[in-house]
Amino acid sequence: MLHKYRKTALIEAEQFDGSDEMIRKYHIKYYSPGDEYSFYTKEGASILNIGDWIATGIDGEHWRIEPDIFKRTYERVN
């Protein structure tokens, strides 16, 4: 039987702005074609664009989330 599940872990996230501070913080490399960047995740290298969200999970791992997916999937917790 198919059941529905909701994630219960909180993540931290910030929107990538291309700043030197974020590039250093996440060890991001400039990739070149069309202002694309690259950074490493548990799954390997990932393309990152300005405006994408960088999420940090409960084990300190990072991954990229496209802005439209982030908006539909996450809500801010204060």
PDB file of N, CA and C in Angstrom:
ATOM      1  N   MET A   1       0.842  -1.180   0.000  1.00  0.00           N
ATOM      2  CA  MET A   1       0.000   0.000   0.000  1.00  0.00           C
ATOM      3  C   MET A   1       0.889   1.246   0.000  1.00  0.00           C
ATOM      4  N   LEU A   2       0.533   2.209  -0.795  1.00  0.00           N
ATOM      5  CA  LEU A   2       1.272   3.454  -0.925  1.00  0.00           C
ATOM      6  C   LEU A   2       0.895   4.394   0.213  1.00  0.00           C
ATOM      7  N   HIS A   3       1.907   4.969   0.892  1.00  0.00           N
ATOM      8  CA  HIS A   3       1.686   5.917   1.982  1.00  0.00           C
ATOM      9  C   HIS A   3       2.379   7.225   1.657  1.00  0.00           C
ATOM     10  N   LYS A   4       1.972   8.310   2.307  1.00  0.00           N
ATOM     11  CA  LYS A   4       2.599   9.619   2.133  1.00  0.00           C
ATOM     12  C   LYS A   4       3.497   9.886   3.336  1.00  0.00           C
ATOM     13  N   TYR A   5       4.642  10.528   3.077  1.00  0.00           N
ATOM     14  CA  TYR A   5       5.608  10.851   4.129  1.00  0.00           C
ATOM     15  C   TYR A   5       6.058  12.291   3.988  1.00  0.00           C
ATOM     16  N   ARG A   6       6.319  12.906   5.116  1.00  0.00           N
ATOM     17  CA  ARG A   6       6.830  14.270   5.145  1.00  0.00           C
ATOM     18  C   ARG A   6       8.196  14.255   5.805  1.00  0.00           C
ATOM     19  N   LYS A   7       9.147  14.994   5.273  1.00  0.00           N
ATOM     20  CA  LYS A   7      10.463  15.097   5.895  1.00  0.00           C
ATOM     21  C   LYS A   7      10.329  15.802   7.238  1.00  0.00           C
ATOM     22  N   THR A   8      11.079  15.323   8.211  1.00  0.00           N
ATOM     23  CA  THR A   8      10.985  15.916   9.540  1.00  0.00           C
ATOM     24  C   THR A   8      12.245  16.678   9.949  1.00  0.00           C
ATOM     25  N   ALA A   9      13.334  16.497   9.234  1.00  0.00           N
ATOM     26  CA  ALA A   9      14.581  17.175   9.577  1.00  0.00           C
ATOM     27  C   ALA A   9      14.586  18.594   9.024  1.00  0.00           C
ATOM     28  N   LEU A  10      15.110  19.521   9.791  1.00  0.00           N
ATOM     29  CA  LEU A  10      15.274  20.889   9.320  1.00  0.00           C
ATOM     30  C   LEU A  10      16.589  20.999   8.556  1.00  0.00           C
ATOM     31  N   ILE A  11      16.611  21.861   7.575  1.00  0.00           N
ATOM     32  CA  ILE A  11      17.847  22.143   6.854  1.00  0.00           C
ATOM     33  C   ILE A  11      18.155  23.627   7.025  1.00  0.00           C
ATOM     34  N   GLU A  12      19.381  23.983   6.733  1.00  0.00           N
ATOM     35  CA  GLU A  12      19.751  25.386   6.614  1.00  0.00           C
ATOM     36  C   GLU A  12      19.977  25.634   5.131  1.00  0.00           C
ATOM     37  N   ALA A  13      19.651  26.826   4.657  1.00  0.00           N
ATOM     38  CA  ALA A  13      19.824  27.121   3.241  1.00  0.00           C
ATOM     39  C   ALA A  13      20.066  28.605   3.052  1.00  0.00           C
ATOM     40  N   GLU A  14      20.828  28.918   2.019  1.00  0.00           N
ATOM     41  CA  GLU A  14      20.991  30.303   1.622  1.00  0.00           C
ATOM     42  C   GLU A  14      21.082  30.366   0.113  1.00  0.00           C
ATOM     43  N   GLN A  15      20.609  31.490  -0.437  1.00  0.00           N
ATOM     44  CA  GLN A  15      20.571  31.640  -1.877  1.00  0.00           C
ATOM     45  C   GLN A  15      21.932  32.124  -2.369  1.00  0.00           C
ATOM     46  N   PHE A  16      22.471  31.415  -3.359  1.00  0.00           N
ATOM     47  CA  PHE A  16      23.786  31.730  -3.892  1.00  0.00           C
ATOM     48  C   PHE A  16      23.743  33.037  -4.673  1.00  0.00           C
ATOM     49  N   ASP A  17      24.624  33.976  -4.278  1.00  0.00           N
ATOM     50  CA  ASP A  17      24.649  35.291  -4.908  1.00  0.00           C
ATOM     51  C   ASP A  17      25.922  35.561  -5.705  1.00  0.00           C
ATOM     52  N   GLY A  18      26.816  34.580  -5.769  1.00  0.00           N
ATOM     53  CA  GLY A  18      28.057  34.751  -6.518  1.00  0.00           C
ATOM     54  C   GLY A  18      29.129  35.510  -5.773  1.00  0.00           C
ATOM     55  N   SER A  19      28.894  35.836  -4.514  1.00  0.00           N
ATOM     56  CA  SER A  19      29.864  36.618  -3.742  1.00  0.00           C
ATOM     57  C   SER A  19      31.107  35.795  -3.418  1.00  0.00           C
ATOM     58  N   ASP A  20      32.229  36.493  -3.260  1.00  0.00           N
ATOM     59  CA  ASP A  20      33.476  35.829  -2.884  1.00  0.00           C
ATOM     60  C   ASP A  20      33.329  35.101  -1.552  1.00  0.00           C
ATOM     61  N   GLU A  21      32.555  35.664  -0.644  1.00  0.00           N
ATOM     62  CA  GLU A  21      32.332  35.040   0.661  1.00  0.00           C
ATOM     63  C   GLU A  21      31.691  33.662   0.521  1.00  0.00           C
ATOM     64  N   MET A  22      30.656  33.564  -0.295  1.00  0.00           N
ATOM     65  CA  MET A  22      29.987  32.275  -0.489  1.00  0.00           C
ATOM     66  C   MET A  22      30.863  31.303  -1.277  1.00  0.00           C
ATOM     67  N   ILE A  23      31.614  31.831  -2.244  1.00  0.00           N
ATOM     68  CA  ILE A  23      32.513  30.988  -3.028  1.00  0.00           C
ATOM     69  C   ILE A  23      33.538  30.328  -2.113  1.00  0.00           C
ATOM     70  N   ARG A  24      34.090  31.100  -1.181  1.00  0.00           N
ATOM     71  CA  ARG A  24      35.058  30.530  -0.226  1.00  0.00           C
ATOM     72  C   ARG A  24      34.381  29.570   0.755  1.00  0.00           C
ATOM     73  N   LYS A  25      33.232  29.959   1.262  1.00  0.00           N
ATOM     74  CA  LYS A  25      32.527  29.162   2.273  1.00  0.00           C
ATOM     75  C   LYS A  25      32.194  27.756   1.776  1.00  0.00           C
ATOM     76  N   TYR A  26      31.756  27.652   0.518  1.00  0.00           N
ATOM     77  CA  TYR A  26      31.315  26.363  -0.029  1.00  0.00           C
ATOM     78  C   TYR A  26      32.318  25.753  -1.011  1.00  0.00           C
ATOM     79  N   HIS A  27      33.504  26.345  -1.124  1.00  0.00           N
ATOM     80  CA  HIS A  27      34.557  25.846  -2.013  1.00  0.00           C
ATOM     81  C   HIS A  27      34.048  25.734  -3.455  1.00  0.00           C
ATOM     82  N   ILE A  28      33.411  26.797  -3.923  1.00  0.00           N
ATOM     83  CA  ILE A  28      32.804  26.832  -5.251  1.00  0.00           C
ATOM     84  C   ILE A  28      33.857  27.238  -6.278  1.00  0.00           C
ATOM     85  N   LYS A  29      33.777  26.630  -7.441  1.00  0.00           N
ATOM     86  CA  LYS A  29      34.674  26.933  -8.556  1.00  0.00           C
ATOM     87  C   LYS A  29      33.868  27.567  -9.680  1.00  0.00           C
ATOM     88  N   TYR A  30      34.485  28.534 -10.366  1.00  0.00           N
ATOM     89  CA  TYR A  30      33.831  29.144 -11.526  1.00  0.00           C
ATOM     90  C   TYR A  30      33.896  28.162 -12.686  1.00  0.00           C
ATOM     91  N   TYR A  31      32.770  27.886 -13.292  1.00  0.00           N
ATOM     92  CA  TYR A  31      32.680  26.860 -14.331  1.00  0.00           C
ATOM     93  C   TYR A  31      32.742  27.461 -15.729  1.00  0.00           C
ATOM     94  N   SER A  32      32.318  28.693 -15.904  1.00  0.00           N
ATOM     95  CA  SER A  32      32.455  29.478 -17.122  1.00  0.00           C
ATOM     96  C   SER A  32      31.224  29.622 -17.996  1.00  0.00           C
ATOM     97  N   PRO A  33      30.742  28.598 -18.737  1.00  0.00           N
ATOM     98  CA  PRO A  33      29.689  28.883 -19.719  1.00  0.00           C
ATOM     99  C   PRO A  33      28.432  29.483 -19.092  1.00  0.00           C
ATOM    100  N   GLY A  34      28.201  30.759 -19.334  1.00  0.00           N
ATOM    101  CA  GLY A  34      26.971  31.394 -18.871  1.00  0.00           C
ATOM    102  C   GLY A  34      26.904  31.633 -17.385  1.00  0.00           C
ATOM    103  N   ASP A  35      27.985  32.049 -16.780  1.00  0.00           N
ATOM    104  CA  ASP A  35      28.014  32.334 -15.339  1.00  0.00           C
ATOM    105  C   ASP A  35      27.608  31.137 -14.491  1.00  0.00           C
ATOM    106  N   GLU A  36      28.049  29.971 -14.868  1.00  0.00           N
ATOM    107  CA  GLU A  36      27.795  28.774 -14.067  1.00  0.00           C
ATOM    108  C   GLU A  36      28.984  28.520 -13.157  1.00  0.00           C
ATOM    109  N   TYR A  37      28.688  27.946 -12.023  1.00  0.00           N
ATOM    110  CA  TYR A  37      29.695  27.596 -11.035  1.00  0.00           C
ATOM    111  C   TYR A  37      29.580  26.103 -10.760  1.00  0.00           C
ATOM    112  N   SER A  38      30.556  25.564 -10.054  1.00  0.00           N
ATOM    113  CA  SER A  38      30.557  24.148  -9.723  1.00  0.00           C
ATOM    114  C   SER A  38      30.956  23.982  -8.266  1.00  0.00           C
ATOM    115  N   PHE A  39      30.297  23.066  -7.566  1.00  0.00           N
ATOM    116  CA  PHE A  39      30.735  22.718  -6.218  1.00  0.00           C
ATOM    117  C   PHE A  39      30.458  21.250  -5.970  1.00  0.00           C
ATOM    118  N   TYR A  40      31.142  20.705  -4.976  1.00  0.00           N
ATOM    119  CA  TYR A  40      31.058  19.268  -4.740  1.00  0.00           C
ATOM    120  C   TYR A  40      30.025  18.925  -3.681  1.00  0.00           C
ATOM    121  N   THR A  41      29.259  17.877  -3.975  1.00  0.00           N
ATOM    122  CA  THR A  41      28.262  17.340  -3.056  1.00  0.00           C
ATOM    123  C   THR A  41      28.629  15.886  -2.779  1.00  0.00           C
ATOM    124  N   LYS A  42      27.843  15.212  -1.959  1.00  0.00           N
ATOM    125  CA  LYS A  42      28.094  13.788  -1.696  1.00  0.00           C
ATOM    126  C   LYS A  42      27.983  12.958  -2.974  1.00  0.00           C
ATOM    127  N   GLU A  43      27.195  13.440  -3.929  1.00  0.00           N
ATOM    128  CA  GLU A  43      26.995  12.722  -5.188  1.00  0.00           C
ATOM    129  C   GLU A  43      28.013  13.108  -6.254  1.00  0.00           C
ATOM    130  N   GLY A  44      28.893  14.051  -5.956  1.00  0.00           N
ATOM    131  CA  GLY A  44      29.895  14.492  -6.925  1.00  0.00           C
ATOM    132  C   GLY A  44      29.706  15.954  -7.272  1.00  0.00           C
ATOM    133  N   ALA A  45      30.343  16.394  -8.365  1.00  0.00           N
ATOM    134  CA  ALA A  45      30.281  17.793  -8.778  1.00  0.00           C
ATOM    135  C   ALA A  45      28.865  18.168  -9.201  1.00  0.00           C
ATOM    136  N   SER A  46      28.478  19.384  -8.862  1.00  0.00           N
ATOM    137  CA  SER A  46      27.152  19.882  -9.199  1.00  0.00           C
ATOM    138  C   SER A  46      27.287  21.279  -9.792  1.00  0.00           C
ATOM    139  N   ILE A  47      26.539  21.550 -10.854  1.00  0.00           N
ATOM    140  CA  ILE A  47      26.519  22.884 -11.454  1.00  0.00           C
ATOM    141  C   ILE A  47      25.649  23.776 -10.563  1.00  0.00           C
ATOM    142  N   LEU A  48      26.089  25.003 -10.359  1.00  0.00           N
ATOM    143  CA  LEU A  48      25.406  25.955  -9.492  1.00  0.00           C
ATOM    144  C   LEU A  48      25.274  27.270 -10.238  1.00  0.00           C
ATOM    145  N   ASN A  49      24.097  27.850 -10.222  1.00  0.00           N
ATOM    146  CA  ASN A  49      23.848  29.144 -10.856  1.00  0.00           C
ATOM    147  C   ASN A  49      23.505  30.174  -9.795  1.00  0.00           C
ATOM    148  N   ILE A  50      23.789  31.431 -10.083  1.00  0.00           N
ATOM    149  CA  ILE A  50      23.380  32.494  -9.171  1.00  0.00           C
ATOM    150  C   ILE A  50      21.862  32.427  -9.040  1.00  0.00           C
ATOM    151  N   GLY A  51      21.383  32.473  -7.817  1.00  0.00           N
ATOM    152  CA  GLY A  51      19.951  32.357  -7.546  1.00  0.00           C
ATOM    153  C   GLY A  51      19.547  30.984  -7.035  1.00  0.00           C
ATOM    154  N   ASP A  52      20.379  29.960  -7.291  1.00  0.00           N
ATOM    155  CA  ASP A  52      20.116  28.634  -6.734  1.00  0.00           C
ATOM    156  C   ASP A  52      20.291  28.679  -5.216  1.00  0.00           C
ATOM    157  N   TRP A  53      19.674  27.754  -4.545  1.00  0.00           N
ATOM    158  CA  TRP A  53      19.821  27.647  -3.097  1.00  0.00           C
ATOM    159  C   TRP A  53      20.826  26.558  -2.771  1.00  0.00           C
ATOM    160  N   ILE A  54      21.651  26.816  -1.762  1.00  0.00           N
ATOM    161  CA  ILE A  54      22.581  25.812  -1.257  1.00  0.00           C
ATOM    162  C   ILE A  54      22.032  25.370   0.091  1.00  0.00           C
ATOM    163  N   ALA A  55      21.670  24.101   0.167  1.00  0.00           N
ATOM    164  CA  ALA A  55      21.106  23.534   1.394  1.00  0.00           C
ATOM    165  C   ALA A  55      22.186  22.775   2.147  1.00  0.00           C
ATOM    166  N   THR A  56      22.078  22.813   3.462  1.00  0.00           N
ATOM    167  CA  THR A  56      22.992  22.074   4.325  1.00  0.00           C
ATOM    168  C   THR A  56      22.154  21.137   5.180  1.00  0.00           C
ATOM    169  N   GLY A  57      22.452  19.848   5.104  1.00  0.00           N
ATOM    170  CA  GLY A  57      21.687  18.836   5.824  1.00  0.00           C
ATOM    171  C   GLY A  57      22.189  18.591   7.241  1.00  0.00           C
ATOM    172  N   ILE A  58      21.584  17.626   7.902  1.00  0.00           N
ATOM    173  CA  ILE A  58      21.880  17.357   9.310  1.00  0.00           C
ATOM    174  C   ILE A  58      23.285  16.810   9.538  1.00  0.00           C
ATOM    175  N   ASP A  59      23.907  16.278   8.498  1.00  0.00           N
ATOM    176  CA  ASP A  59      25.276  15.772   8.620  1.00  0.00           C
ATOM    177  C   ASP A  59      26.301  16.741   8.034  1.00  0.00           C
ATOM    178  N   GLY A  60      25.878  17.975   7.736  1.00  0.00           N
ATOM    179  CA  GLY A  60      26.776  18.978   7.190  1.00  0.00           C
ATOM    180  C   GLY A  60      26.968  18.894   5.689  1.00  0.00           C
ATOM    181  N   GLU A  61      26.253  18.006   5.033  1.00  0.00           N
ATOM    182  CA  GLU A  61      26.364  17.859   3.585  1.00  0.00           C
ATOM    183  C   GLU A  61      25.613  18.995   2.881  1.00  0.00           C
ATOM    184  N   HIS A  62      26.077  19.351   1.688  1.00  0.00           N
ATOM    185  CA  HIS A  62      25.474  20.433   0.912  1.00  0.00           C
ATOM    186  C   HIS A  62      24.912  19.882  -0.385  1.00  0.00           C
ATOM    187  N   TRP A  63      23.855  20.514  -0.854  1.00  0.00           N
ATOM    188  CA  TRP A  63      23.323  20.205  -2.171  1.00  0.00           C
ATOM    189  C   TRP A  63      22.631  21.433  -2.738  1.00  0.00           C
ATOM    190  N   ARG A  64      22.455  21.421  -4.048  1.00  0.00           N
ATOM    191  CA  ARG A  64      21.857  22.531  -4.780  1.00  0.00           C
ATOM    192  C   ARG A  64      20.360  22.295  -4.943  1.00  0.00           C
ATOM    193  N   ILE A  65      19.590  23.386  -4.814  1.00  0.00           N
ATOM    194  CA  ILE A  65      18.153  23.326  -5.073  1.00  0.00           C
ATOM    195  C   ILE A  65      17.809  24.492  -5.996  1.00  0.00           C
ATOM    196  N   GLU A  66      17.161  24.190  -7.104  1.00  0.00           N
ATOM    197  CA  GLU A  66      16.748  25.244  -8.024  1.00  0.00           C
ATOM    198  C   GLU A  66      15.705  26.128  -7.337  1.00  0.00           C
ATOM    199  N   PRO A  67      15.680  27.442  -7.654  1.00  0.00           N
ATOM    200  CA  PRO A  67      14.785  28.379  -6.958  1.00  0.00           C
ATOM    201  C   PRO A  67      13.306  27.985  -6.991  1.00  0.00           C
ATOM    202  N   ASP A  68      12.809  27.511  -8.137  1.00  0.00           N
ATOM    203  CA  ASP A  68      11.388  27.163  -8.211  1.00  0.00           C
ATOM    204  C   ASP A  68      11.069  25.935  -7.357  1.00  0.00           C
ATOM    205  N   ILE A  69      11.971  24.972  -7.316  1.00  0.00           N
ATOM    206  CA  ILE A  69      11.772  23.784  -6.466  1.00  0.00           C
ATOM    207  C   ILE A  69      11.835  24.186  -4.995  1.00  0.00           C
ATOM    208  N   PHE A  70      12.799  25.038  -4.655  1.00  0.00           N
ATOM    209  CA  PHE A  70      12.931  25.488  -3.265  1.00  0.00           C
ATOM    210  C   PHE A  70      11.645  26.176  -2.810  1.00  0.00           C
ATOM    211  N   LYS A  71      11.124  27.070  -3.632  1.00  0.00           N
ATOM    212  CA  LYS A  71       9.915  27.823  -3.278  1.00  0.00           C
ATOM    213  C   LYS A  71       8.712  26.904  -3.054  1.00  0.00           C
ATOM    214  N   ARG A  72       8.596  25.852  -3.860  1.00  0.00           N
ATOM    215  CA  ARG A  72       7.456  24.931  -3.741  1.00  0.00           C
ATOM    216  C   ARG A  72       7.621  23.918  -2.623  1.00  0.00           C
ATOM    217  N   THR A  73       8.861  23.691  -2.166  1.00  0.00           N
ATOM    218  CA  THR A  73       9.139  22.593  -1.251  1.00  0.00           C
ATOM    219  C   THR A  73       9.416  23.025   0.195  1.00  0.00           C
ATOM    220  N   TYR A  74       9.963  24.217   0.372  1.00  0.00           N
ATOM    221  CA  TYR A  74      10.401  24.634   1.703  1.00  0.00           C
ATOM    222  C   TYR A  74       9.708  25.900   2.141  1.00  0.00           C
ATOM    223  N   GLU A  75       9.547  26.051   3.448  1.00  0.00           N
ATOM    224  CA  GLU A  75       9.081  27.297   4.020  1.00  0.00           C
ATOM    225  C   GLU A  75      10.002  27.658   5.185  1.00  0.00           C
ATOM    226  N   ARG A  76      10.184  28.950   5.378  1.00  0.00           N
ATOM    227  CA  ARG A  76      11.101  29.429   6.406  1.00  0.00           C
ATOM    228  C   ARG A  76      10.550  29.164   7.808  1.00  0.00           C
ATOM    229  N   VAL A  77      11.441  28.763   8.699  1.00  0.00           N
ATOM    230  CA  VAL A  77      11.092  28.525  10.102  1.00  0.00           C
ATOM    231  C   VAL A  77      11.872  29.525  10.935  1.00  0.00           C
ATOM    232  N   ASN A  78      11.210  30.228  11.803  1.00  0.00           N
ATOM    233  CA  ASN A  78      11.904  31.206  12.662  1.00  0.00           C
ATOM    234  C   ASN A  78      12.240  30.630  14.010  1.00  0.00           C
TER     235      ASN A  78
END
